[in-house]
Amino acid sequence: ALRDITEKHGGSYQASAVGEVNVVELMKKTNAIIGGEGNGGIIYP
């Protein structure tokens, strides 16, 4: 669903390996505006 919402707003979605440190690394690499994990974890740079 996050991919769907991102594409609705004209952005690009990517999936990282499981683990917060992996999500953060890919967020930095892709200049993500927001990210996180499906367990209710919100990461807002």
PDB file of all heavy atoms in Angstrom:
ATOM      1  N   ALA A   1       0.822  -1.220   0.000  1.00  0.00           N
ATOM      2  CA  ALA A   1       0.000   0.000   0.000  1.00  0.00           C
ATOM      3  C   ALA A   1       0.851   1.263   0.000  1.00  0.00           C
ATOM      4  O   ALA A   1       0.459   2.283  -0.578  1.00  0.00           O
ATOM      5  CB  ALA A   1      -0.939   0.001   1.202  1.00  0.00           C
ATOM      6  N   LEU A   2       2.030   1.221   0.638  1.00  0.00           N
ATOM      7  CA  LEU A   2       2.897   2.400   0.641  1.00  0.00           C
ATOM      8  C   LEU A   2       3.372   2.726  -0.769  1.00  0.00           C
ATOM      9  O   LEU A   2       3.438   3.896  -1.162  1.00  0.00           O
ATOM     10  CB  LEU A   2       4.096   2.212   1.576  1.00  0.00           C
ATOM     11  CG  LEU A   2       5.050   3.411   1.645  1.00  0.00           C
ATOM     12  CD1 LEU A   2       4.343   4.652   2.184  1.00  0.00           C
ATOM     13  CD2 LEU A   2       6.281   3.091   2.497  1.00  0.00           C
ATOM     14  N   ARG A   3       3.683   1.697  -1.539  1.00  0.00           N
ATOM     15  CA  ARG A   3       4.076   1.902  -2.935  1.00  0.00           C
ATOM     16  C   ARG A   3       2.952   2.588  -3.704  1.00  0.00           C
ATOM     17  O   ARG A   3       3.165   3.540  -4.469  1.00  0.00           O
ATOM     18  CB  ARG A   3       4.419   0.563  -3.592  1.00  0.00           C
ATOM     19  CG  ARG A   3       4.916   0.683  -5.034  1.00  0.00           C
ATOM     20  CD  ARG A   3       4.816  -0.644  -5.769  1.00  0.00           C
ATOM     21  NE  ARG A   3       3.407  -1.015  -6.010  1.00  0.00           N
ATOM     22  CZ  ARG A   3       3.032  -2.108  -6.658  1.00  0.00           C
ATOM     23  NH1 ARG A   3       3.938  -2.965  -7.101  1.00  0.00           N
ATOM     24  NH2 ARG A   3       1.757  -2.370  -6.836  1.00  0.00           N
ATOM     25  N   ASP A   4       1.722   2.105  -3.505  1.00  0.00           N
ATOM     26  CA  ASP A   4       0.568   2.668  -4.208  1.00  0.00           C
ATOM     27  C   ASP A   4       0.379   4.150  -3.884  1.00  0.00           C
ATOM     28  O   ASP A   4       0.144   4.977  -4.775  1.00  0.00           O
ATOM     29  CB  ASP A   4      -0.709   1.896  -3.840  1.00  0.00           C
ATOM     30  CG  ASP A   4      -0.669   0.445  -4.306  1.00  0.00           C
ATOM     31  OD1 ASP A   4       0.251   0.087  -5.057  1.00  0.00           O
ATOM     32  OD2 ASP A   4      -1.558  -0.330  -3.899  1.00  0.00           O
ATOM     33  N   ILE A   5       0.471   4.472  -2.590  1.00  0.00           N
ATOM     34  CA  ILE A   5       0.283   5.861  -2.149  1.00  0.00           C
ATOM     35  C   ILE A   5       1.401   6.750  -2.690  1.00  0.00           C
ATOM     36  O   ILE A   5       1.168   7.879  -3.138  1.00  0.00           O
ATOM     37  CB  ILE A   5       0.243   5.929  -0.601  1.00  0.00           C
ATOM     38  CG1 ILE A   5      -1.045   5.272  -0.089  1.00  0.00           C
ATOM     39  CG2 ILE A   5       0.361   7.364  -0.098  1.00  0.00           C
ATOM     40  CD1 ILE A   5      -2.324   5.950  -0.547  1.00  0.00           C
ATOM     41  N   THR A   6       2.628   6.239  -2.662  1.00  0.00           N
ATOM     42  CA  THR A   6       3.781   7.011  -3.151  1.00  0.00           C
ATOM     43  C   THR A   6       3.629   7.331  -4.624  1.00  0.00           C
ATOM     44  O   THR A   6       3.845   8.480  -5.056  1.00  0.00           O
ATOM     45  CB  THR A   6       5.081   6.216  -2.924  1.00  0.00           C
ATOM     46  OG1 THR A   6       5.179   5.847  -1.540  1.00  0.00           O
ATOM     47  CG2 THR A   6       6.302   7.044  -3.299  1.00  0.00           C
ATOM     48  N   GLU A   7       3.241   6.329  -5.401  1.00  0.00           N
ATOM     49  CA  GLU A   7       3.080   6.533  -6.852  1.00  0.00           C
ATOM     50  C   GLU A   7       1.902   7.463  -7.147  1.00  0.00           C
ATOM     51  O   GLU A   7       1.942   8.238  -8.113  1.00  0.00           O
ATOM     52  CB  GLU A   7       2.929   5.183  -7.549  1.00  0.00           C
ATOM     53  CG  GLU A   7       4.227   4.369  -7.504  1.00  0.00           C
ATOM     54  CD  GLU A   7       4.101   2.968  -8.072  1.00  0.00           C
ATOM     55  OE1 GLU A   7       2.962   2.543  -8.373  1.00  0.00           O
ATOM     56  OE2 GLU A   7       5.146   2.289  -8.202  1.00  0.00           O
ATOM     57  N   LYS A   8       0.878   7.429  -6.295  1.00  0.00           N
ATOM     58  CA  LYS A   8      -0.264   8.345  -6.450  1.00  0.00           C
ATOM     59  C   LYS A   8       0.201   9.801  -6.364  1.00  0.00           C
ATOM     60  O   LYS A   8      -0.310  10.676  -7.077  1.00  0.00           O
ATOM     61  CB  LYS A   8      -1.312   8.063  -5.360  1.00  0.00           C
ATOM     62  CG  LYS A   8      -2.541   8.973  -5.424  1.00  0.00           C
ATOM     63  CD  LYS A   8      -3.461   8.774  -4.232  1.00  0.00           C
ATOM     64  CE  LYS A   8      -3.070   9.662  -3.065  1.00  0.00           C
ATOM     65  NZ  LYS A   8      -4.050   9.664  -1.964  1.00  0.00           N
ATOM     66  N   HIS A   9       1.200  10.041  -5.524  1.00  0.00           N
ATOM     67  CA  HIS A   9       1.731  11.401  -5.338  1.00  0.00           C
ATOM     68  C   HIS A   9       2.933  11.683  -6.251  1.00  0.00           C
ATOM     69  O   HIS A   9       3.609  12.704  -6.075  1.00  0.00           O
ATOM     70  CB  HIS A   9       2.118  11.617  -3.876  1.00  0.00           C
ATOM     71  CG  HIS A   9       0.952  11.698  -2.939  1.00  0.00           C
ATOM     72  ND1 HIS A   9       0.075  12.759  -2.935  1.00  0.00           N
ATOM     73  CD2 HIS A   9       0.498  10.835  -1.991  1.00  0.00           C
ATOM     74  CE1 HIS A   9      -0.864  12.557  -2.020  1.00  0.00           C
ATOM     75  NE2 HIS A   9      -0.627  11.401  -1.420  1.00  0.00           N
ATOM     76  N   GLY A  10       3.207  10.785  -7.203  1.00  0.00           N
ATOM     77  CA  GLY A  10       4.272  11.028  -8.174  1.00  0.00           C
ATOM     78  C   GLY A  10       5.669  10.693  -7.715  1.00  0.00           C
ATOM     79  O   GLY A  10       6.651  11.075  -8.354  1.00  0.00           O
ATOM     80  N   GLY A  11       5.777   9.963  -6.592  1.00  0.00           N
ATOM     81  CA  GLY A  11       7.089   9.600  -6.073  1.00  0.00           C
ATOM     82  C   GLY A  11       7.492   8.188  -6.452  1.00  0.00           C
ATOM     83  O   GLY A  11       6.756   7.470  -7.135  1.00  0.00           O
ATOM     84  N   SER A  12       8.668   7.802  -5.991  1.00  0.00           N
ATOM     85  CA  SER A  12       9.193   6.466  -6.261  1.00  0.00           C
ATOM     86  C   SER A  12       9.358   5.718  -4.944  1.00  0.00           C
ATOM     87  O   SER A  12       9.855   6.279  -3.956  1.00  0.00           O
ATOM     88  CB  SER A  12      10.543   6.586  -6.978  1.00  0.00           C
ATOM     89  OG  SER A  12      11.161   5.325  -7.085  1.00  0.00           O
ATOM     90  N   TYR A  13       8.937   4.462  -4.919  1.00  0.00           N
ATOM     91  CA  TYR A  13       9.035   3.626  -3.717  1.00  0.00           C
ATOM     92  C   TYR A  13      10.111   2.560  -3.900  1.00  0.00           C
ATOM     93  O   TYR A  13      10.232   1.969  -4.983  1.00  0.00           O
ATOM     94  CB  TYR A  13       7.696   2.933  -3.432  1.00  0.00           C
ATOM     95  CG  TYR A  13       7.817   1.798  -2.444  1.00  0.00           C
ATOM     96  CD1 TYR A  13       7.873   2.055  -1.080  1.00  0.00           C
ATOM     97  CD2 TYR A  13       7.929   0.478  -2.869  1.00  0.00           C
ATOM     98  CE1 TYR A  13       8.021   1.017  -0.161  1.00  0.00           C
ATOM     99  CE2 TYR A  13       8.072  -0.566  -1.963  1.00  0.00           C
ATOM    100  CZ  TYR A  13       8.118  -0.282  -0.610  1.00  0.00           C
ATOM    101  OH  TYR A  13       8.284  -1.309   0.279  1.00  0.00           O
ATOM    102  N   GLN A  14      10.892   2.323  -2.849  1.00  0.00           N
ATOM    103  CA  GLN A  14      11.840   1.208  -2.860  1.00  0.00           C
ATOM    104  C   GLN A  14      11.754   0.442  -1.545  1.00  0.00           C
ATOM    105  O   GLN A  14      11.445   1.023  -0.498  1.00  0.00           O
ATOM    106  CB  GLN A  14      13.267   1.705  -3.085  1.00  0.00           C
ATOM    107  CG  GLN A  14      13.516   2.182  -4.509  1.00  0.00           C
ATOM    108  CD  GLN A  14      14.981   2.295  -4.837  1.00  0.00           C
ATOM    109  OE1 GLN A  14      15.780   1.422  -4.507  1.00  0.00           O
ATOM    110  NE2 GLN A  14      15.351   3.380  -5.503  1.00  0.00           N
ATOM    111  N   ALA A  15      12.070  -0.856  -1.615  1.00  0.00           N
ATOM    112  CA  ALA A  15      12.030  -1.718  -0.426  1.00  0.00           C
ATOM    113  C   ALA A  15      13.447  -2.099  -0.019  1.00  0.00           C
ATOM    114  O   ALA A  15      14.269  -2.465  -0.861  1.00  0.00           O
ATOM    115  CB  ALA A  15      11.215  -2.973  -0.708  1.00  0.00           C
ATOM    116  N   SER A  16      13.716  -2.026   1.268  1.00  0.00           N
ATOM    117  CA  SER A  16      15.029  -2.390   1.807  1.00  0.00           C
ATOM    118  C   SER A  16      14.965  -3.758   2.472  1.00  0.00           C
ATOM    119  O   SER A  16      13.888  -4.321   2.669  1.00  0.00           O
ATOM    120  CB  SER A  16      15.476  -1.362   2.846  1.00  0.00           C
ATOM    121  OG  SER A  16      14.772  -1.574   4.066  1.00  0.00           O
ATOM    122  N   ALA A  17      16.121  -4.265   2.853  1.00  0.00           N
ATOM    123  CA  ALA A  17      16.171  -5.438   3.718  1.00  0.00           C
ATOM    124  C   ALA A  17      15.493  -5.097   5.047  1.00  0.00           C
ATOM    125  O   ALA A  17      15.388  -3.923   5.423  1.00  0.00           O
ATOM    126  CB  ALA A  17      17.618  -5.856   3.950  1.00  0.00           C
ATOM    127  N   VAL A  18      15.018  -6.118   5.755  1.00  0.00           N
ATOM    128  CA  VAL A  18      14.366  -5.907   7.042  1.00  0.00           C
ATOM    129  C   VAL A  18      15.382  -5.373   8.051  1.00  0.00           C
ATOM    130  O   VAL A  18      16.544  -5.766   8.055  1.00  0.00           O
ATOM    131  CB  VAL A  18      13.727  -7.218   7.548  1.00  0.00           C
ATOM    132  CG1 VAL A  18      13.198  -7.067   8.963  1.00  0.00           C
ATOM    133  CG2 VAL A  18      12.606  -7.650   6.601  1.00  0.00           C
ATOM    134  N   GLY A  19      14.947  -4.455   8.899  1.00  0.00           N
ATOM    135  CA  GLY A  19      15.825  -3.863   9.908  1.00  0.00           C
ATOM    136  C   GLY A  19      15.899  -2.358   9.738  1.00  0.00           C
ATOM    137  O   GLY A  19      16.088  -1.853   8.629  1.00  0.00           O
ATOM    138  N   GLU A  20      15.739  -1.630  10.840  1.00  0.00           N
ATOM    139  CA  GLU A  20      15.691  -0.162  10.778  1.00  0.00           C
ATOM    140  C   GLU A  20      16.926   0.439  10.123  1.00  0.00           C
ATOM    141  O   GLU A  20      16.834   1.378   9.321  1.00  0.00           O
ATOM    142  CB  GLU A  20      15.517   0.410  12.188  1.00  0.00           C
ATOM    143  CG  GLU A  20      15.398   1.917  12.216  1.00  0.00           C
ATOM    144  CD  GLU A  20      15.064   2.462  13.586  1.00  0.00           C
ATOM    145  OE1 GLU A  20      14.431   1.743  14.392  1.00  0.00           O
ATOM    146  OE2 GLU A  20      15.421   3.618  13.861  1.00  0.00           O
ATOM    147  N   VAL A  21      18.103  -0.091  10.448  1.00  0.00           N
ATOM    148  CA  VAL A  21      19.336   0.464   9.892  1.00  0.00           C
ATOM    149  C   VAL A  21      19.357   0.334   8.370  1.00  0.00           C
ATOM    150  O   VAL A  21      19.875   1.215   7.659  1.00  0.00           O
ATOM    151  CB  VAL A  21      20.581  -0.202  10.547  1.00  0.00           C
ATOM    152  CG1 VAL A  21      20.714  -1.658  10.155  1.00  0.00           C
ATOM    153  CG2 VAL A  21      21.867   0.551  10.199  1.00  0.00           C
ATOM    154  N   ASN A  22      18.758  -0.738   7.839  1.00  0.00           N
ATOM    155  CA  ASN A  22      18.694  -0.931   6.382  1.00  0.00           C
ATOM    156  C   ASN A  22      17.706   0.038   5.729  1.00  0.00           C
ATOM    157  O   ASN A  22      17.955   0.555   4.638  1.00  0.00           O
ATOM    158  CB  ASN A  22      18.299  -2.379   6.061  1.00  0.00           C
ATOM    159  CG  ASN A  22      19.315  -3.377   6.575  1.00  0.00           C
ATOM    160  OD1 ASN A  22      20.513  -3.197   6.411  1.00  0.00           O
ATOM    161  ND2 ASN A  22      18.846  -4.427   7.220  1.00  0.00           N
ATOM    162  N   VAL A  23      16.584   0.271   6.403  1.00  0.00           N
ATOM    163  CA  VAL A  23      15.604   1.234   5.898  1.00  0.00           C
ATOM    164  C   VAL A  23      16.236   2.628   5.828  1.00  0.00           C
ATOM    165  O   VAL A  23      16.130   3.334   4.821  1.00  0.00           O
ATOM    166  CB  VAL A  23      14.336   1.261   6.790  1.00  0.00           C
ATOM    167  CG1 VAL A  23      13.372   2.353   6.315  1.00  0.00           C
ATOM    168  CG2 VAL A  23      13.640  -0.091   6.779  1.00  0.00           C
ATOM    169  N   VAL A  24      16.919   3.014   6.914  1.00  0.00           N
ATOM    170  CA  VAL A  24      17.543   4.342   6.976  1.00  0.00           C
ATOM    171  C   VAL A  24      18.598   4.504   5.879  1.00  0.00           C
ATOM    172  O   VAL A  24      18.660   5.544   5.202  1.00  0.00           O
ATOM    173  CB  VAL A  24      18.161   4.584   8.371  1.00  0.00           C
ATOM    174  CG1 VAL A  24      19.087   5.800   8.368  1.00  0.00           C
ATOM    175  CG2 VAL A  24      17.054   4.770   9.412  1.00  0.00           C
ATOM    176  N   GLU A  25      19.405   3.478   5.685  1.00  0.00           N
ATOM    177  CA  GLU A  25      20.460   3.539   4.664  1.00  0.00           C
ATOM    178  C   GLU A  25      19.865   3.786   3.272  1.00  0.00           C
ATOM    179  O   GLU A  25      20.359   4.623   2.506  1.00  0.00           O
ATOM    180  CB  GLU A  25      21.254   2.222   4.678  1.00  0.00           C
ATOM    181  CG  GLU A  25      22.471   2.226   3.770  1.00  0.00           C
ATOM    182  CD  GLU A  25      23.215   0.892   3.785  1.00  0.00           C
ATOM    183  OE1 GLU A  25      23.047   0.114   4.757  1.00  0.00           O
ATOM    184  OE2 GLU A  25      23.957   0.639   2.830  1.00  0.00           O
ATOM    185  N   LEU A  26      18.784   3.067   2.943  1.00  0.00           N
ATOM    186  CA  LEU A  26      18.161   3.235   1.631  1.00  0.00           C
ATOM    187  C   LEU A  26      17.424   4.575   1.533  1.00  0.00           C
ATOM    188  O   LEU A  26      17.391   5.193   0.461  1.00  0.00           O
ATOM    189  CB  LEU A  26      17.207   2.069   1.333  1.00  0.00           C
ATOM    190  CG  LEU A  26      16.650   1.992  -0.092  1.00  0.00           C
ATOM    191  CD1 LEU A  26      17.775   1.948  -1.133  1.00  0.00           C
ATOM    192  CD2 LEU A  26      15.748   0.761  -0.247  1.00  0.00           C
ATOM    193  N   MET A  27      16.851   5.032   2.644  1.00  0.00           N
ATOM    194  CA  MET A  27      16.201   6.346   2.646  1.00  0.00           C
ATOM    195  C   MET A  27      17.205   7.448   2.305  1.00  0.00           C
ATOM    196  O   MET A  27      16.912   8.358   1.513  1.00  0.00           O
ATOM    197  CB  MET A  27      15.550   6.622   4.010  1.00  0.00           C
ATOM    198  CG  MET A  27      14.276   5.846   4.270  1.00  0.00           C
ATOM    199  SD  MET A  27      13.562   6.238   5.894  1.00  0.00           S
ATOM    200  CE  MET A  27      12.990   7.930   5.638  1.00  0.00           C
ATOM    201  N   LYS A  28      18.385   7.365   2.895  1.00  0.00           N
ATOM    202  CA  LYS A  28      19.415   8.367   2.616  1.00  0.00           C
ATOM    203  C   LYS A  28      19.847   8.297   1.151  1.00  0.00           C
ATOM    204  O   LYS A  28      20.041   9.323   0.493  1.00  0.00           O
ATOM    205  CB  LYS A  28      20.621   8.151   3.536  1.00  0.00           C
ATOM    206  CG  LYS A  28      20.347   8.502   4.994  1.00  0.00           C
ATOM    207  CD  LYS A  28      21.564   8.208   5.862  1.00  0.00           C
ATOM    208  CE  LYS A  28      21.325   8.612   7.301  1.00  0.00           C
ATOM    209  NZ  LYS A  28      22.480   8.300   8.184  1.00  0.00           N
ATOM    210  N   LYS A  29      19.987   7.074   0.656  1.00  0.00           N
ATOM    211  CA  LYS A  29      20.458   6.863  -0.714  1.00  0.00           C
ATOM    212  C   LYS A  29      19.450   7.398  -1.741  1.00  0.00           C
ATOM    213  O   LYS A  29      19.828   7.888  -2.809  1.00  0.00           O
ATOM    214  CB  LYS A  29      20.696   5.368  -0.932  1.00  0.00           C
ATOM    215  CG  LYS A  29      21.561   5.023  -2.138  1.00  0.00           C
ATOM    216  CD  LYS A  29      21.801   3.516  -2.223  1.00  0.00           C
ATOM    217  CE  LYS A  29      22.723   3.032  -1.120  1.00  0.00           C
ATOM    218  NZ  LYS A  29      23.022   1.574  -1.255  1.00  0.00           N
ATOM    219  N   THR A  30      18.147   7.304  -1.419  1.00  0.00           N
ATOM    220  CA  THR A  30      17.103   7.705  -2.374  1.00  0.00           C
ATOM    221  C   THR A  30      16.463   9.050  -2.027  1.00  0.00           C
ATOM    222  O   THR A  30      15.483   9.446  -2.654  1.00  0.00           O
ATOM    223  CB  THR A  30      15.993   6.634  -2.428  1.00  0.00           C
ATOM    224  OG1 THR A  30      15.430   6.470  -1.111  1.00  0.00           O
ATOM    225  CG2 THR A  30      16.529   5.294  -2.897  1.00  0.00           C
ATOM    226  N   ASN A  31      17.044   9.741  -1.024  1.00  0.00           N
ATOM    227  CA  ASN A  31      16.484  11.021  -0.558  1.00  0.00           C
ATOM    228  C   ASN A  31      15.000  10.908  -0.235  1.00  0.00           C
ATOM    229  O   ASN A  31      14.190  11.766  -0.620  1.00  0.00           O
ATOM    230  CB  ASN A  31      16.697  12.127  -1.611  1.00  0.00           C
ATOM    231  CG  ASN A  31      18.162  12.455  -1.800  1.00  0.00           C
ATOM    232  OD1 ASN A  31      18.899  12.592  -0.823  1.00  0.00           O
ATOM    233  ND2 ASN A  31      18.604  12.564  -3.037  1.00  0.00           N
ATOM    234  N   ALA A  32      14.635   9.838   0.447  1.00  0.00           N
ATOM    235  CA  ALA A  32      13.227   9.606   0.782  1.00  0.00           C
ATOM    236  C   ALA A  32      12.711  10.677   1.739  1.00  0.00           C
ATOM    237  O   ALA A  32      13.398  11.083   2.677  1.00  0.00           O
ATOM    238  CB  ALA A  32      13.059   8.225   1.398  1.00  0.00           C
ATOM    239  N   ILE A  33      11.491  11.128   1.481  1.00  0.00           N
ATOM    240  CA  ILE A  33      10.834  12.141   2.312  1.00  0.00           C
ATOM    241  C   ILE A  33      10.344  11.519   3.615  1.00  0.00           C
ATOM    242  O   ILE A  33      10.358  12.137   4.677  1.00  0.00           O
ATOM    243  CB  ILE A  33       9.621  12.739   1.558  1.00  0.00           C
ATOM    244  CG1 ILE A  33      10.084  13.423   0.275  1.00  0.00           C
ATOM    245  CG2 ILE A  33       8.848  13.699   2.437  1.00  0.00           C
ATOM    246  CD1 ILE A  33      10.906  14.656   0.478  1.00  0.00           C
ATOM    247  N   ILE A  34       9.892  10.271   3.520  1.00  0.00           N
ATOM    248  CA  ILE A  34       9.388   9.541   4.683  1.00  0.00           C
ATOM    249  C   ILE A  34       9.573   8.045   4.422  1.00  0.00           C
ATOM    250  O   ILE A  34       9.656   7.603   3.272  1.00  0.00           O
ATOM    251  CB  ILE A  34       7.903   9.874   4.969  1.00  0.00           C
ATOM    252  CG1 ILE A  34       7.447   9.274   6.314  1.00  0.00           C
ATOM    253  CG2 ILE A  34       7.004   9.451   3.807  1.00  0.00           C
ATOM    254  CD1 ILE A  34       6.113   9.801   6.807  1.00  0.00           C
ATOM    255  N   GLY A  35       9.668   7.290   5.492  1.00  0.00           N
ATOM    256  CA  GLY A  35       9.828   5.849   5.346  1.00  0.00           C
ATOM    257  C   GLY A  35       9.548   5.179   6.674  1.00  0.00           C
ATOM    258  O   GLY A  35       9.037   5.786   7.612  1.00  0.00           O
ATOM    259  N   GLY A  36       9.894   3.897   6.745  1.00  0.00           N
ATOM    260  CA  GLY A  36       9.671   3.184   8.001  1.00  0.00           C
ATOM    261  C   GLY A  36       9.425   1.719   7.786  1.00  0.00           C
ATOM    262  O   GLY A  36       9.825   1.138   6.770  1.00  0.00           O
ATOM    263  N   GLU A  37       8.749   1.133   8.750  1.00  0.00           N
ATOM    264  CA  GLU A  37       8.488  -0.296   8.711  1.00  0.00           C
ATOM    265  C   GLU A  37       7.004  -0.543   8.955  1.00  0.00           C
ATOM    266  O   GLU A  37       6.339   0.244   9.636  1.00  0.00           O
ATOM    267  CB  GLU A  37       9.345  -1.017   9.752  1.00  0.00           C
ATOM    268  CG  GLU A  37      10.835  -0.850   9.486  1.00  0.00           C
ATOM    269  CD  GLU A  37      11.692  -1.636  10.463  1.00  0.00           C
ATOM    270  OE1 GLU A  37      11.771  -1.242  11.633  1.00  0.00           O
ATOM    271  OE2 GLU A  37      12.280  -2.638  10.038  1.00  0.00           O
ATOM    272  N   GLY A  38       6.508  -1.643   8.431  1.00  0.00           N
ATOM    273  CA  GLY A  38       5.095  -1.968   8.528  1.00  0.00           C
ATOM    274  C   GLY A  38       4.639  -2.333   9.928  1.00  0.00           C
ATOM    275  O   GLY A  38       3.461  -2.574  10.161  1.00  0.00           O
ATOM    276  N   ASN A  39       5.561  -2.352  10.885  1.00  0.00           N
ATOM    277  CA  ASN A  39       5.178  -2.640  12.274  1.00  0.00           C
ATOM    278  C   ASN A  39       4.787  -1.363  13.019  1.00  0.00           C
ATOM    279  O   ASN A  39       4.744  -1.343  14.244  1.00  0.00           O
ATOM    280  CB  ASN A  39       6.310  -3.362  13.010  1.00  0.00           C
ATOM    281  CG  ASN A  39       7.595  -2.548  13.065  1.00  0.00           C
ATOM    282  OD1 ASN A  39       7.616  -1.370  12.732  1.00  0.00           O
ATOM    283  ND2 ASN A  39       8.672  -3.177  13.479  1.00  0.00           N
ATOM    284  N   GLY A  40       4.493  -0.305  12.283  1.00  0.00           N
ATOM    285  CA  GLY A  40       4.092   0.949  12.925  1.00  0.00           C
ATOM    286  C   GLY A  40       5.260   1.871  13.197  1.00  0.00           C
ATOM    287  O   GLY A  40       5.139   2.800  14.001  1.00  0.00           O
ATOM    288  N   GLY A  41       6.382   1.651  12.537  1.00  0.00           N
ATOM    289  CA  GLY A  41       7.571   2.481  12.736  1.00  0.00           C
ATOM    290  C   GLY A  41       7.642   3.595  11.699  1.00  0.00           C
ATOM    291  O   GLY A  41       7.777   3.322  10.507  1.00  0.00           O
ATOM    292  N   ILE A  42       7.537   4.855  12.139  1.00  0.00           N
ATOM    293  CA  ILE A  42       7.566   6.019  11.241  1.00  0.00           C
ATOM    294  C   ILE A  42       8.946   6.666  11.311  1.00  0.00           C
ATOM    295  O   ILE A  42       9.407   7.053  12.390  1.00  0.00           O
ATOM    296  CB  ILE A  42       6.517   7.076  11.669  1.00  0.00           C
ATOM    297  CG1 ILE A  42       5.132   6.447  11.796  1.00  0.00           C
ATOM    298  CG2 ILE A  42       6.517   8.263  10.709  1.00  0.00           C
ATOM    299  CD1 ILE A  42       4.589   5.862  10.534  1.00  0.00           C
ATOM    300  N   ILE A  43       9.597   6.802  10.160  1.00  0.00           N
ATOM    301  CA  ILE A  43      10.898   7.480  10.096  1.00  0.00           C
ATOM    302  C   ILE A  43      10.724   8.715   9.215  1.00  0.00           C
ATOM    303  O   ILE A  43      10.468   8.608   8.015  1.00  0.00           O
ATOM    304  CB  ILE A  43      11.994   6.558   9.524  1.00  0.00           C
ATOM    305  CG1 ILE A  43      12.115   5.290  10.385  1.00  0.00           C
ATOM    306  CG2 ILE A  43      13.334   7.288   9.467  1.00  0.00           C
ATOM    307  CD1 ILE A  43      13.067   4.237   9.821  1.00  0.00           C
ATOM    308  N   TYR A  44      10.879   9.893   9.824  1.00  0.00           N
ATOM    309  CA  TYR A  44      10.647  11.167   9.142  1.00  0.00           C
ATOM    310  C   TYR A  44      11.924  12.005   9.256  1.00  0.00           C
ATOM    311  O   TYR A  44      12.186  12.632  10.287  1.00  0.00           O
ATOM    312  CB  TYR A  44       9.456  11.874   9.796  1.00  0.00           C
ATOM    313  CG  TYR A  44       9.010  13.137   9.107  1.00  0.00           C
ATOM    314  CD1 TYR A  44       8.838  13.198   7.728  1.00  0.00           C
ATOM    315  CD2 TYR A  44       8.728  14.283   9.859  1.00  0.00           C
ATOM    316  CE1 TYR A  44       8.408  14.364   7.102  1.00  0.00           C
ATOM    317  CE2 TYR A  44       8.293  15.457   9.248  1.00  0.00           C
ATOM    318  CZ  TYR A  44       8.145  15.488   7.870  1.00  0.00           C
ATOM    319  OH  TYR A  44       7.719  16.642   7.253  1.00  0.00           O
ATOM    320  N   PRO A  45      12.738  12.021   8.198  1.00  0.00           N
ATOM    321  CA  PRO A  45      14.053  12.686   8.266  1.00  0.00           C
ATOM    322  C   PRO A  45      14.004  14.160   8.646  1.00  0.00           C
ATOM    323  O   PRO A  45      14.983  14.691   9.175  1.00  0.00           O
ATOM    324  CB  PRO A  45      14.603  12.503   6.845  1.00  0.00           C
ATOM    325  CG  PRO A  45      13.896  11.313   6.297  1.00  0.00           C
ATOM    326  CD  PRO A  45      12.531  11.353   6.902  1.00  0.00           C
TER     327      PRO A  45
END
